[in-house]
């Protein structure tokens, strides 16, 4: 007779594996606990501290923070100088979002409907490649391109279109001495930097439009314009809204581009940076920071109702 097999004693690893196999929810809870704890303590905790600081105020004589609940700091946001910062940021964010949508739609439509195989791979490479380079390098490169001695001015002079460029720069509000010191240049840099975030969700949304619907629209006698207006655009709208979440929020919070390109006009990101750093007015900086959070919460609620998250 052969001797019975003697199994090795079960170690801690075997016991833990058996426990997790019998209780998969416990294993899932242990996996999610560290990131959720990090999110709760670092992210949500910092937001709670930010919200709390926004209800404090600054003593006008000592310059010290007064840790007493007040709405005085939020009332300061309604001052003309502060309200202009908020309004300027919202207008630029909306303009950049619209510009990105108009430029991204034909690119995304071509990629979704006509690009196949290697062409689609090149499309993704072309869209993603700018994101792999340094953010600051791109901004300073655009600063040189848009400068009065830059390549755009040189091309305008070489093609005898300098008069058109000067007419563009002479426009009130959006013009300036050069493109690098104008709202037009700032708008161009914002669109260049954020347009990949508009193209990708828009392309994903357009790929979900059934070809059969386009064929049915054509069979029923609709023109291309009617098909675009009544079939393609409504079905692609969630992708447009999804992309606008990125472009709108990123523009609102950016403080580097307005510092390097433009006429040094204040935006929300710059105001937060200056108030908490140079001025030391943390309550007002926190109140400014709450503004884009509230705006984006409202925007995300409306976007969710429009089905924009399906295109992310």
C-alpha atoms as a PDB file:
ATOM      1  CA  UNK A   1       0.000   0.000   0.000  1.00  0.00           C
ATOM      2  CA  UNK A   2       1.147   3.483  -0.790  1.00  0.00           C
ATOM      3  CA  UNK A   3       1.344   5.958   2.022  1.00  0.00           C
ATOM      4  CA  UNK A   4      -1.338   8.669   2.027  1.00  0.00           C
ATOM      5  CA  UNK A   5      -0.227  12.004   0.607  1.00  0.00           C
ATOM      6  CA  UNK A   6       0.650  14.565   3.224  1.00  0.00           C
ATOM      7  CA  UNK A   7      -0.458  18.051   2.167  1.00  0.00           C
ATOM      8  CA  UNK A   8       1.730  20.924   3.271  1.00  0.00           C
ATOM      9  CA  UNK A   9       0.390  23.132   5.981  1.00  0.00           C
ATOM     10  CA  UNK A  10      -1.628  26.031   4.581  1.00  0.00           C
ATOM     11  CA  UNK A  11       0.140  29.334   4.888  1.00  0.00           C
ATOM     12  CA  UNK A  12      -1.233  32.795   5.439  1.00  0.00           C
ATOM     13  CA  UNK A  13      -1.361  33.445   1.682  1.00  0.00           C
ATOM     14  CA  UNK A  14      -3.523  30.382   1.082  1.00  0.00           C
ATOM     15  CA  UNK A  15      -5.851  31.324   3.909  1.00  0.00           C
ATOM     16  CA  UNK A  16      -6.210  34.901   2.592  1.00  0.00           C
ATOM     17  CA  UNK A  17      -6.855  33.627  -0.943  1.00  0.00           C
ATOM     18  CA  UNK A  18      -9.571  31.299   0.335  1.00  0.00           C
ATOM     19  CA  UNK A  19     -11.111  34.108   2.371  1.00  0.00           C
ATOM     20  CA  UNK A  20     -11.175  36.501  -0.582  1.00  0.00           C
ATOM     21  CA  UNK A  21     -12.573  33.779  -2.847  1.00  0.00           C
ATOM     22  CA  UNK A  22     -15.440  33.173  -0.441  1.00  0.00           C
ATOM     23  CA  UNK A  23     -16.016  36.892   0.146  1.00  0.00           C
ATOM     24  CA  UNK A  24     -15.319  38.802  -3.087  1.00  0.00           C
ATOM     25  CA  UNK A  25     -16.961  41.957  -1.740  1.00  0.00           C
ATOM     26  CA  UNK A  26     -14.415  42.111   1.046  1.00  0.00           C
ATOM     27  CA  UNK A  27     -11.608  41.854  -1.515  1.00  0.00           C
ATOM     28  CA  UNK A  28     -13.198  44.635  -3.591  1.00  0.00           C
ATOM     29  CA  UNK A  29     -13.547  46.825  -0.484  1.00  0.00           C
ATOM     30  CA  UNK A  30      -9.883  46.360   0.400  1.00  0.00           C
ATOM     31  CA  UNK A  31      -8.832  47.258  -3.152  1.00  0.00           C
ATOM     32  CA  UNK A  32     -10.943  50.415  -3.222  1.00  0.00           C
ATOM     33  CA  UNK A  33     -10.160  51.556   0.316  1.00  0.00           C
ATOM     34  CA  UNK A  34      -6.739  53.221  -0.372  1.00  0.00           C
ATOM     35  CA  UNK A  35      -7.806  55.329  -3.400  1.00  0.00           C
ATOM     36  CA  UNK A  36     -11.117  56.252  -1.766  1.00  0.00           C
ATOM     37  CA  UNK A  37      -9.314  57.229   1.416  1.00  0.00           C
ATOM     38  CA  UNK A  38      -6.878  59.338  -0.610  1.00  0.00           C
ATOM     39  CA  UNK A  39      -9.767  60.953  -2.477  1.00  0.00           C
ATOM     40  CA  UNK A  40     -11.681  61.647   0.712  1.00  0.00           C
ATOM     41  CA  UNK A  41      -8.793  63.059   2.720  1.00  0.00           C
ATOM     42  CA  UNK A  42      -6.756  64.916   0.093  1.00  0.00           C
ATOM     43  CA  UNK A  43      -9.260  65.990  -2.551  1.00  0.00           C
ATOM     44  CA  UNK A  44     -12.558  66.349  -0.684  1.00  0.00           C
ATOM     45  CA  UNK A  45     -10.728  67.535   2.427  1.00  0.00           C
ATOM     46  CA  UNK A  46      -8.976  70.283   0.493  1.00  0.00           C
ATOM     47  CA  UNK A  47     -12.260  71.334  -1.115  1.00  0.00           C
ATOM     48  CA  UNK A  48     -13.897  71.497   2.312  1.00  0.00           C
ATOM     49  CA  UNK A  49     -11.016  73.604   3.639  1.00  0.00           C
ATOM     50  CA  UNK A  50     -11.285  75.848   0.579  1.00  0.00           C
ATOM     51  CA  UNK A  51     -15.008  76.328   1.112  1.00  0.00           C
ATOM     52  CA  UNK A  52     -14.456  77.071   4.785  1.00  0.00           C
ATOM     53  CA  UNK A  53     -11.746  79.654   4.038  1.00  0.00           C
ATOM     54  CA  UNK A  54     -14.075  81.452   1.611  1.00  0.00           C
ATOM     55  CA  UNK A  55     -16.399  82.318   4.513  1.00  0.00           C
ATOM     56  CA  UNK A  56     -13.590  84.064   6.419  1.00  0.00           C
ATOM     57  CA  UNK A  57     -12.480  87.644   5.874  1.00  0.00           C
ATOM     58  CA  UNK A  58      -9.351  89.803   6.018  1.00  0.00           C
ATOM     59  CA  UNK A  59      -8.881  92.450   8.670  1.00  0.00           C
ATOM     60  CA  UNK A  60      -8.307  95.694   6.781  1.00  0.00           C
ATOM     61  CA  UNK A  61      -5.835  97.072   9.360  1.00  0.00           C
ATOM     62  CA  UNK A  62      -3.723  94.059  10.309  1.00  0.00           C
ATOM     63  CA  UNK A  63      -4.132  92.050   7.096  1.00  0.00           C
ATOM     64  CA  UNK A  64      -4.748  88.911   9.169  1.00  0.00           C
ATOM     65  CA  UNK A  65      -7.419  86.328   8.400  1.00  0.00           C
ATOM     66  CA  UNK A  66     -10.432  86.634  10.710  1.00  0.00           C
ATOM     67  CA  UNK A  67     -11.807  83.094  11.226  1.00  0.00           C
ATOM     68  CA  UNK A  68     -15.418  84.174  11.687  1.00  0.00           C
ATOM     69  CA  UNK A  69     -18.317  83.181   9.447  1.00  0.00           C
ATOM     70  CA  UNK A  70     -19.255  86.012   7.093  1.00  0.00           C
ATOM     71  CA  UNK A  71     -20.476  86.597   3.536  1.00  0.00           C
ATOM     72  CA  UNK A  72     -18.367  89.722   3.233  1.00  0.00           C
ATOM     73  CA  UNK A  73     -15.772  87.990   1.053  1.00  0.00           C
ATOM     74  CA  UNK A  74     -18.398  86.790  -1.433  1.00  0.00           C
ATOM     75  CA  UNK A  75     -19.819  90.305  -1.532  1.00  0.00           C
ATOM     76  CA  UNK A  76     -16.384  91.504  -2.662  1.00  0.00           C
ATOM     77  CA  UNK A  77     -16.759  89.359  -5.793  1.00  0.00           C
ATOM     78  CA  UNK A  78     -19.506  91.760  -6.908  1.00  0.00           C
ATOM     79  CA  UNK A  79     -17.145  94.715  -6.938  1.00  0.00           C
ATOM     80  CA  UNK A  80     -16.655  95.982 -10.507  1.00  0.00           C
ATOM     81  CA  UNK A  81     -12.970  94.995 -10.634  1.00  0.00           C
ATOM     82  CA  UNK A  82     -13.607  91.458  -9.332  1.00  0.00           C
ATOM     83  CA  UNK A  83     -16.803  90.941 -11.298  1.00  0.00           C
ATOM     84  CA  UNK A  84     -14.965  91.951 -14.484  1.00  0.00           C
ATOM     85  CA  UNK A  85     -12.457  89.155 -13.821  1.00  0.00           C
ATOM     86  CA  UNK A  86     -15.267  86.587 -13.570  1.00  0.00           C
ATOM     87  CA  UNK A  87     -17.069  87.937 -16.637  1.00  0.00           C
ATOM     88  CA  UNK A  88     -13.847  88.075 -18.690  1.00  0.00           C
ATOM     89  CA  UNK A  89     -13.034  84.485 -17.789  1.00  0.00           C
ATOM     90  CA  UNK A  90     -16.508  83.226 -18.683  1.00  0.00           C
ATOM     91  CA  UNK A  91     -16.501  85.020 -22.045  1.00  0.00           C
ATOM     92  CA  UNK A  92     -13.053  83.657 -22.943  1.00  0.00           C
ATOM     93  CA  UNK A  93     -14.028  80.139 -21.817  1.00  0.00           C
ATOM     94  CA  UNK A  94     -17.193  80.232 -23.910  1.00  0.00           C
ATOM     95  CA  UNK A  95     -15.342  81.623 -26.939  1.00  0.00           C
ATOM     96  CA  UNK A  96     -12.624  78.955 -26.696  1.00  0.00           C
ATOM     97  CA  UNK A  97     -15.252  76.223 -26.377  1.00  0.00           C
ATOM     98  CA  UNK A  98     -17.127  77.448 -29.458  1.00  0.00           C
ATOM     99  CA  UNK A  99     -13.881  77.837 -31.423  1.00  0.00           C
ATOM    100  CA  UNK A 100     -12.738  74.330 -30.496  1.00  0.00           C
ATOM    101  CA  UNK A 101     -16.120  72.877 -31.468  1.00  0.00           C
ATOM    102  CA  UNK A 102     -16.120  74.557 -34.881  1.00  0.00           C
ATOM    103  CA  UNK A 103     -12.570  73.459 -35.675  1.00  0.00           C
ATOM    104  CA  UNK A 104     -12.871  69.966 -34.192  1.00  0.00           C
ATOM    105  CA  UNK A 105     -16.132  68.917 -35.851  1.00  0.00           C
ATOM    106  CA  UNK A 106     -14.852  68.441 -39.432  1.00  0.00           C
ATOM    107  CA  UNK A 107     -11.721  66.689 -38.135  1.00  0.00           C
ATOM    108  CA  UNK A 108     -13.740  64.362 -35.919  1.00  0.00           C
ATOM    109  CA  UNK A 109     -16.305  63.720 -38.654  1.00  0.00           C
ATOM    110  CA  UNK A 110     -13.625  62.732 -41.155  1.00  0.00           C
ATOM    111  CA  UNK A 111     -11.984  60.420 -38.623  1.00  0.00           C
ATOM    112  CA  UNK A 112     -15.292  58.807 -37.697  1.00  0.00           C
ATOM    113  CA  UNK A 113     -16.665  58.330 -41.207  1.00  0.00           C
ATOM    114  CA  UNK A 114     -13.764  58.036 -43.623  1.00  0.00           C
ATOM    115  CA  UNK A 115     -10.515  57.225 -41.787  1.00  0.00           C
ATOM    116  CA  UNK A 116      -9.692  53.517 -41.709  1.00  0.00           C
ATOM    117  CA  UNK A 117      -6.696  51.435 -40.712  1.00  0.00           C
ATOM    118  CA  UNK A 118      -3.438  53.351 -40.940  1.00  0.00           C
ATOM    119  CA  UNK A 119      -5.221  56.645 -41.589  1.00  0.00           C
ATOM    120  CA  UNK A 120      -7.107  56.340 -38.293  1.00  0.00           C
ATOM    121  CA  UNK A 121      -3.894  55.481 -36.466  1.00  0.00           C
ATOM    122  CA  UNK A 122      -2.277  58.596 -37.909  1.00  0.00           C
ATOM    123  CA  UNK A 123      -5.323  60.587 -36.829  1.00  0.00           C
ATOM    124  CA  UNK A 124      -4.990  59.477 -33.209  1.00  0.00           C
ATOM    125  CA  UNK A 125      -1.244  60.100 -33.335  1.00  0.00           C
ATOM    126  CA  UNK A 126      -1.746  63.596 -34.728  1.00  0.00           C
ATOM    127  CA  UNK A 127      -4.332  64.460 -32.079  1.00  0.00           C
ATOM    128  CA  UNK A 128      -2.394  63.021 -29.156  1.00  0.00           C
ATOM    129  CA  UNK A 129       1.113  64.118 -30.187  1.00  0.00           C
ATOM    130  CA  UNK A 130       0.737  67.752 -28.975  1.00  0.00           C
ATOM    131  CA  UNK A 131      -0.291  66.437 -25.559  1.00  0.00           C
ATOM    132  CA  UNK A 132       3.045  64.648 -25.190  1.00  0.00           C
ATOM    133  CA  UNK A 133       5.102  67.822 -25.364  1.00  0.00           C
ATOM    134  CA  UNK A 134       5.723  70.195 -22.482  1.00  0.00           C
ATOM    135  CA  UNK A 135       2.885  72.580 -21.718  1.00  0.00           C
ATOM    136  CA  UNK A 136       5.210  75.511 -21.013  1.00  0.00           C
ATOM    137  CA  UNK A 137       7.280  74.847 -24.128  1.00  0.00           C
ATOM    138  CA  UNK A 138       4.148  75.062 -26.256  1.00  0.00           C
ATOM    139  CA  UNK A 139       3.047  78.322 -24.650  1.00  0.00           C
ATOM    140  CA  UNK A 140       6.422  80.022 -25.048  1.00  0.00           C
ATOM    141  CA  UNK A 141       6.655  78.737 -28.619  1.00  0.00           C
ATOM    142  CA  UNK A 142       3.317  80.367 -29.384  1.00  0.00           C
ATOM    143  CA  UNK A 143       4.541  83.549 -27.685  1.00  0.00           C
ATOM    144  CA  UNK A 144       7.372  83.703 -30.234  1.00  0.00           C
ATOM    145  CA  UNK A 145       5.107  82.777 -33.144  1.00  0.00           C
ATOM    146  CA  UNK A 146       2.593  85.506 -32.286  1.00  0.00           C
ATOM    147  CA  UNK A 147       5.164  88.207 -31.486  1.00  0.00           C
ATOM    148  CA  UNK A 148       5.528  91.262 -33.691  1.00  0.00           C
ATOM    149  CA  UNK A 149       8.799  89.833 -34.998  1.00  0.00           C
ATOM    150  CA  UNK A 150       7.336  86.326 -35.249  1.00  0.00           C
ATOM    151  CA  UNK A 151       6.576  84.099 -38.194  1.00  0.00           C
ATOM    152  CA  UNK A 152       2.965  85.244 -38.589  1.00  0.00           C
ATOM    153  CA  UNK A 153       4.021  88.866 -39.062  1.00  0.00           C
ATOM    154  CA  UNK A 154       6.766  87.741 -41.446  1.00  0.00           C
ATOM    155  CA  UNK A 155       4.291  85.705 -43.497  1.00  0.00           C
ATOM    156  CA  UNK A 156       1.855  88.610 -43.594  1.00  0.00           C
ATOM    157  CA  UNK A 157       4.552  90.898 -44.948  1.00  0.00           C
ATOM    158  CA  UNK A 158       5.754  88.274 -47.435  1.00  0.00           C
ATOM    159  CA  UNK A 159       2.237  87.757 -48.795  1.00  0.00           C
ATOM    160  CA  UNK A 160       1.382  91.482 -48.715  1.00  0.00           C
ATOM    161  CA  UNK A 161      -1.412  90.890 -46.199  1.00  0.00           C
ATOM    162  CA  UNK A 162       0.116  93.009 -43.450  1.00  0.00           C
ATOM    163  CA  UNK A 163      -2.733  95.501 -43.819  1.00  0.00           C
ATOM    164  CA  UNK A 164      -5.256  92.799 -42.957  1.00  0.00           C
ATOM    165  CA  UNK A 165      -3.255  91.813 -39.904  1.00  0.00           C
ATOM    166  CA  UNK A 166      -3.030  95.439 -38.759  1.00  0.00           C
ATOM    167  CA  UNK A 167      -6.777  95.867 -39.304  1.00  0.00           C
ATOM    168  CA  UNK A 168      -7.347  92.777 -37.176  1.00  0.00           C
ATOM    169  CA  UNK A 169      -5.097  94.088 -34.418  1.00  0.00           C
ATOM    170  CA  UNK A 170      -6.799  97.490 -34.511  1.00  0.00           C
ATOM    171  CA  UNK A 171     -10.154  95.996 -33.531  1.00  0.00           C
ATOM    172  CA  UNK A 172     -11.338  97.353 -30.183  1.00  0.00           C
ATOM    173  CA  UNK A 173     -11.068  95.150 -27.066  1.00  0.00           C
ATOM    174  CA  UNK A 174      -9.712  92.036 -28.822  1.00  0.00           C
ATOM    175  CA  UNK A 175      -6.818  93.738 -30.652  1.00  0.00           C
ATOM    176  CA  UNK A 176      -3.446  94.982 -29.448  1.00  0.00           C
ATOM    177  CA  UNK A 177       0.081  95.936 -30.445  1.00  0.00           C
ATOM    178  CA  UNK A 178       0.712  92.368 -31.624  1.00  0.00           C
ATOM    179  CA  UNK A 179      -1.014  89.021 -31.536  1.00  0.00           C
ATOM    180  CA  UNK A 180       1.069  88.012 -28.530  1.00  0.00           C
ATOM    181  CA  UNK A 181      -0.354  90.920 -26.499  1.00  0.00           C
ATOM    182  CA  UNK A 182      -3.999  90.635 -27.525  1.00  0.00           C
ATOM    183  CA  UNK A 183      -7.060  88.598 -26.686  1.00  0.00           C
ATOM    184  CA  UNK A 184      -6.935  87.199 -30.224  1.00  0.00           C
ATOM    185  CA  UNK A 185      -3.542  85.629 -29.549  1.00  0.00           C
ATOM    186  CA  UNK A 186      -4.672  84.311 -26.189  1.00  0.00           C
ATOM    187  CA  UNK A 187      -7.755  82.804 -27.820  1.00  0.00           C
ATOM    188  CA  UNK A 188      -5.614  81.112 -30.489  1.00  0.00           C
ATOM    189  CA  UNK A 189      -3.293  79.579 -27.876  1.00  0.00           C
ATOM    190  CA  UNK A 190      -6.193  78.345 -25.755  1.00  0.00           C
ATOM    191  CA  UNK A 191      -7.821  76.707 -28.786  1.00  0.00           C
ATOM    192  CA  UNK A 192      -4.555  75.044 -29.838  1.00  0.00           C
ATOM    193  CA  UNK A 193      -3.856  73.662 -26.380  1.00  0.00           C
ATOM    194  CA  UNK A 194      -7.358  72.346 -25.596  1.00  0.00           C
ATOM    195  CA  UNK A 195      -8.680  71.249 -29.003  1.00  0.00           C
ATOM    196  CA  UNK A 196      -7.580  67.584 -28.589  1.00  0.00           C
ATOM    197  CA  UNK A 197      -9.960  67.341 -25.639  1.00  0.00           C
ATOM    198  CA  UNK A 198     -12.789  68.367 -27.968  1.00  0.00           C
ATOM    199  CA  UNK A 199     -11.844  66.177 -30.927  1.00  0.00           C
ATOM    200  CA  UNK A 200     -11.677  62.824 -29.133  1.00  0.00           C
ATOM    201  CA  UNK A 201     -15.124  62.767 -27.442  1.00  0.00           C
ATOM    202  CA  UNK A 202     -16.695  64.302 -30.540  1.00  0.00           C
ATOM    203  CA  UNK A 203     -15.150  61.603 -32.735  1.00  0.00           C
ATOM    204  CA  UNK A 204     -16.369  58.887 -30.336  1.00  0.00           C
ATOM    205  CA  UNK A 205     -19.874  60.330 -30.468  1.00  0.00           C
ATOM    206  CA  UNK A 206     -19.904  60.557 -34.277  1.00  0.00           C
ATOM    207  CA  UNK A 207     -18.790  56.939 -34.587  1.00  0.00           C
ATOM    208  CA  UNK A 208     -21.971  55.919 -32.753  1.00  0.00           C
ATOM    209  CA  UNK A 209     -24.203  57.545 -35.392  1.00  0.00           C
ATOM    210  CA  UNK A 210     -25.649  54.601 -37.405  1.00  0.00           C
ATOM    211  CA  UNK A 211     -24.957  54.756 -41.119  1.00  0.00           C
ATOM    212  CA  UNK A 212     -28.467  53.414 -41.692  1.00  0.00           C
ATOM    213  CA  UNK A 213     -29.947  56.646 -40.362  1.00  0.00           C
ATOM    214  CA  UNK A 214     -27.917  58.678 -42.853  1.00  0.00           C
ATOM    215  CA  UNK A 215     -29.015  56.382 -45.666  1.00  0.00           C
ATOM    216  CA  UNK A 216     -32.647  56.598 -44.552  1.00  0.00           C
ATOM    217  CA  UNK A 217     -32.439  60.391 -44.475  1.00  0.00           C
ATOM    218  CA  UNK A 218     -31.055  60.396 -48.004  1.00  0.00           C
ATOM    219  CA  UNK A 219     -33.718  57.949 -49.231  1.00  0.00           C
ATOM    220  CA  UNK A 220     -36.439  60.200 -47.840  1.00  0.00           C
ATOM    221  CA  UNK A 221     -35.147  63.083 -49.958  1.00  0.00           C
ATOM    222  CA  UNK A 222     -33.287  65.110 -47.331  1.00  0.00           C
ATOM    223  CA  UNK A 223     -30.426  67.245 -48.518  1.00  0.00           C
ATOM    224  CA  UNK A 224     -26.989  67.036 -46.916  1.00  0.00           C
ATOM    225  CA  UNK A 225     -27.695  70.179 -44.943  1.00  0.00           C
ATOM    226  CA  UNK A 226     -30.992  68.769 -43.683  1.00  0.00           C
ATOM    227  CA  UNK A 227     -29.343  65.459 -42.768  1.00  0.00           C
ATOM    228  CA  UNK A 228     -26.633  67.295 -40.873  1.00  0.00           C
ATOM    229  CA  UNK A 229     -29.124  69.514 -39.035  1.00  0.00           C
ATOM    230  CA  UNK A 230     -31.741  66.897 -38.175  1.00  0.00           C
ATOM    231  CA  UNK A 231     -29.720  63.656 -37.855  1.00  0.00           C
ATOM    232  CA  UNK A 232     -25.971  64.130 -37.390  1.00  0.00           C
ATOM    233  CA  UNK A 233     -25.900  67.192 -35.151  1.00  0.00           C
ATOM    234  CA  UNK A 234     -28.490  66.010 -32.580  1.00  0.00           C
ATOM    235  CA  UNK A 235     -26.795  62.615 -32.269  1.00  0.00           C
ATOM    236  CA  UNK A 236     -23.323  64.184 -32.061  1.00  0.00           C
ATOM    237  CA  UNK A 237     -24.391  66.808 -29.524  1.00  0.00           C
ATOM    238  CA  UNK A 238     -23.478  64.668 -26.467  1.00  0.00           C
ATOM    239  CA  UNK A 239     -19.913  64.462 -27.780  1.00  0.00           C
ATOM    240  CA  UNK A 240     -19.796  68.224 -28.278  1.00  0.00           C
ATOM    241  CA  UNK A 241     -21.032  68.794 -24.737  1.00  0.00           C
ATOM    242  CA  UNK A 242     -18.571  66.224 -23.377  1.00  0.00           C
ATOM    243  CA  UNK A 243     -15.688  68.002 -25.110  1.00  0.00           C
ATOM    244  CA  UNK A 244     -16.926  71.370 -23.912  1.00  0.00           C
ATOM    245  CA  UNK A 245     -16.660  70.138 -20.313  1.00  0.00           C
ATOM    246  CA  UNK A 246     -12.893  69.889 -20.784  1.00  0.00           C
ATOM    247  CA  UNK A 247     -12.347  73.051 -22.832  1.00  0.00           C
ATOM    248  CA  UNK A 248     -14.586  75.227 -20.673  1.00  0.00           C
ATOM    249  CA  UNK A 249     -13.266  74.056 -17.306  1.00  0.00           C
ATOM    250  CA  UNK A 250      -9.599  74.021 -18.354  1.00  0.00           C
ATOM    251  CA  UNK A 251      -9.843  77.551 -19.746  1.00  0.00           C
ATOM    252  CA  UNK A 252     -11.537  78.842 -16.599  1.00  0.00           C
ATOM    253  CA  UNK A 253      -8.830  77.472 -14.331  1.00  0.00           C
ATOM    254  CA  UNK A 254      -5.754  78.247 -16.426  1.00  0.00           C
ATOM    255  CA  UNK A 255      -3.473  80.980 -15.129  1.00  0.00           C
ATOM    256  CA  UNK A 256      -0.310  80.368 -17.162  1.00  0.00           C
ATOM    257  CA  UNK A 257      -1.511  81.276 -20.668  1.00  0.00           C
ATOM    258  CA  UNK A 258      -2.991  84.646 -19.580  1.00  0.00           C
ATOM    259  CA  UNK A 259       0.325  85.468 -17.881  1.00  0.00           C
ATOM    260  CA  UNK A 260       2.483  84.675 -20.914  1.00  0.00           C
ATOM    261  CA  UNK A 261       0.177  85.574 -23.819  1.00  0.00           C
ATOM    262  CA  UNK A 262      -2.194  88.511 -23.802  1.00  0.00           C
ATOM    263  CA  UNK A 263      -2.393  91.982 -22.296  1.00  0.00           C
ATOM    264  CA  UNK A 264      -1.965  90.878 -18.634  1.00  0.00           C
ATOM    265  CA  UNK A 265      -5.691  91.236 -17.943  1.00  0.00           C
ATOM    266  CA  UNK A 266      -6.740  89.257 -14.891  1.00  0.00           C
ATOM    267  CA  UNK A 267      -8.568  85.934 -15.111  1.00  0.00           C
ATOM    268  CA  UNK A 268      -9.916  83.764 -12.303  1.00  0.00           C
ATOM    269  CA  UNK A 269      -6.870  81.500 -12.253  1.00  0.00           C
ATOM    270  CA  UNK A 270      -4.501  84.468 -12.155  1.00  0.00           C
ATOM    271  CA  UNK A 271      -6.574  86.157  -9.439  1.00  0.00           C
ATOM    272  CA  UNK A 272      -6.413  83.046  -7.243  1.00  0.00           C
ATOM    273  CA  UNK A 273      -2.669  82.732  -7.833  1.00  0.00           C
ATOM    274  CA  UNK A 274      -1.982  86.375  -6.988  1.00  0.00           C
ATOM    275  CA  UNK A 275      -4.348  86.657  -4.029  1.00  0.00           C
ATOM    276  CA  UNK A 276      -3.086  83.592  -2.200  1.00  0.00           C
ATOM    277  CA  UNK A 277       0.557  84.290  -3.087  1.00  0.00           C
ATOM    278  CA  UNK A 278       1.469  87.946  -3.448  1.00  0.00           C
ATOM    279  CA  UNK A 279      -1.480  89.612  -1.716  1.00  0.00           C
ATOM    280  CA  UNK A 280      -1.975  86.977   0.986  1.00  0.00           C
ATOM    281  CA  UNK A 281      -5.773  87.351   0.797  1.00  0.00           C
ATOM    282  CA  UNK A 282      -6.617  83.659   1.138  1.00  0.00           C
ATOM    283  CA  UNK A 283     -10.380  84.145   1.806  1.00  0.00           C
ATOM    284  CA  UNK A 284     -10.871  86.136  -1.403  1.00  0.00           C
ATOM    285  CA  UNK A 285      -8.713  83.650  -3.324  1.00  0.00           C
ATOM    286  CA  UNK A 286     -10.896  80.826  -1.978  1.00  0.00           C
ATOM    287  CA  UNK A 287     -14.065  82.698  -2.955  1.00  0.00           C
ATOM    288  CA  UNK A 288     -12.701  83.167  -6.480  1.00  0.00           C
ATOM    289  CA  UNK A 289     -11.858  79.451  -6.617  1.00  0.00           C
ATOM    290  CA  UNK A 290     -15.392  78.510  -5.584  1.00  0.00           C
ATOM    291  CA  UNK A 291     -16.860  80.363  -8.590  1.00  0.00           C
ATOM    292  CA  UNK A 292     -15.637  77.921 -11.307  1.00  0.00           C
ATOM    293  CA  UNK A 293     -16.517  74.968  -9.046  1.00  0.00           C
ATOM    294  CA  UNK A 294     -20.127  76.149  -8.786  1.00  0.00           C
ATOM    295  CA  UNK A 295     -20.303  76.934 -12.497  1.00  0.00           C
ATOM    296  CA  UNK A 296     -18.934  73.504 -13.430  1.00  0.00           C
ATOM    297  CA  UNK A 297     -21.308  71.711 -11.048  1.00  0.00           C
ATOM    298  CA  UNK A 298     -24.236  73.385 -12.794  1.00  0.00           C
ATOM    299  CA  UNK A 299     -22.693  72.689 -16.201  1.00  0.00           C
ATOM    300  CA  UNK A 300     -22.038  69.020 -15.379  1.00  0.00           C
ATOM    301  CA  UNK A 301     -25.619  68.581 -14.186  1.00  0.00           C
ATOM    302  CA  UNK A 302     -26.948  69.926 -17.467  1.00  0.00           C
ATOM    303  CA  UNK A 303     -24.416  67.869 -19.447  1.00  0.00           C
ATOM    304  CA  UNK A 304     -25.461  64.675 -17.663  1.00  0.00           C
ATOM    305  CA  UNK A 305     -29.083  65.296 -18.571  1.00  0.00           C
ATOM    306  CA  UNK A 306     -27.998  65.731 -22.204  1.00  0.00           C
ATOM    307  CA  UNK A 307     -26.225  62.350 -22.151  1.00  0.00           C
ATOM    308  CA  UNK A 308     -22.764  63.861 -22.558  1.00  0.00           C
ATOM    309  CA  UNK A 309     -21.092  61.335 -20.253  1.00  0.00           C
ATOM    310  CA  UNK A 310     -21.855  58.545 -22.732  1.00  0.00           C
ATOM    311  CA  UNK A 311     -19.334  60.112 -25.117  1.00  0.00           C
ATOM    312  CA  UNK A 312     -16.493  60.316 -22.592  1.00  0.00           C
END
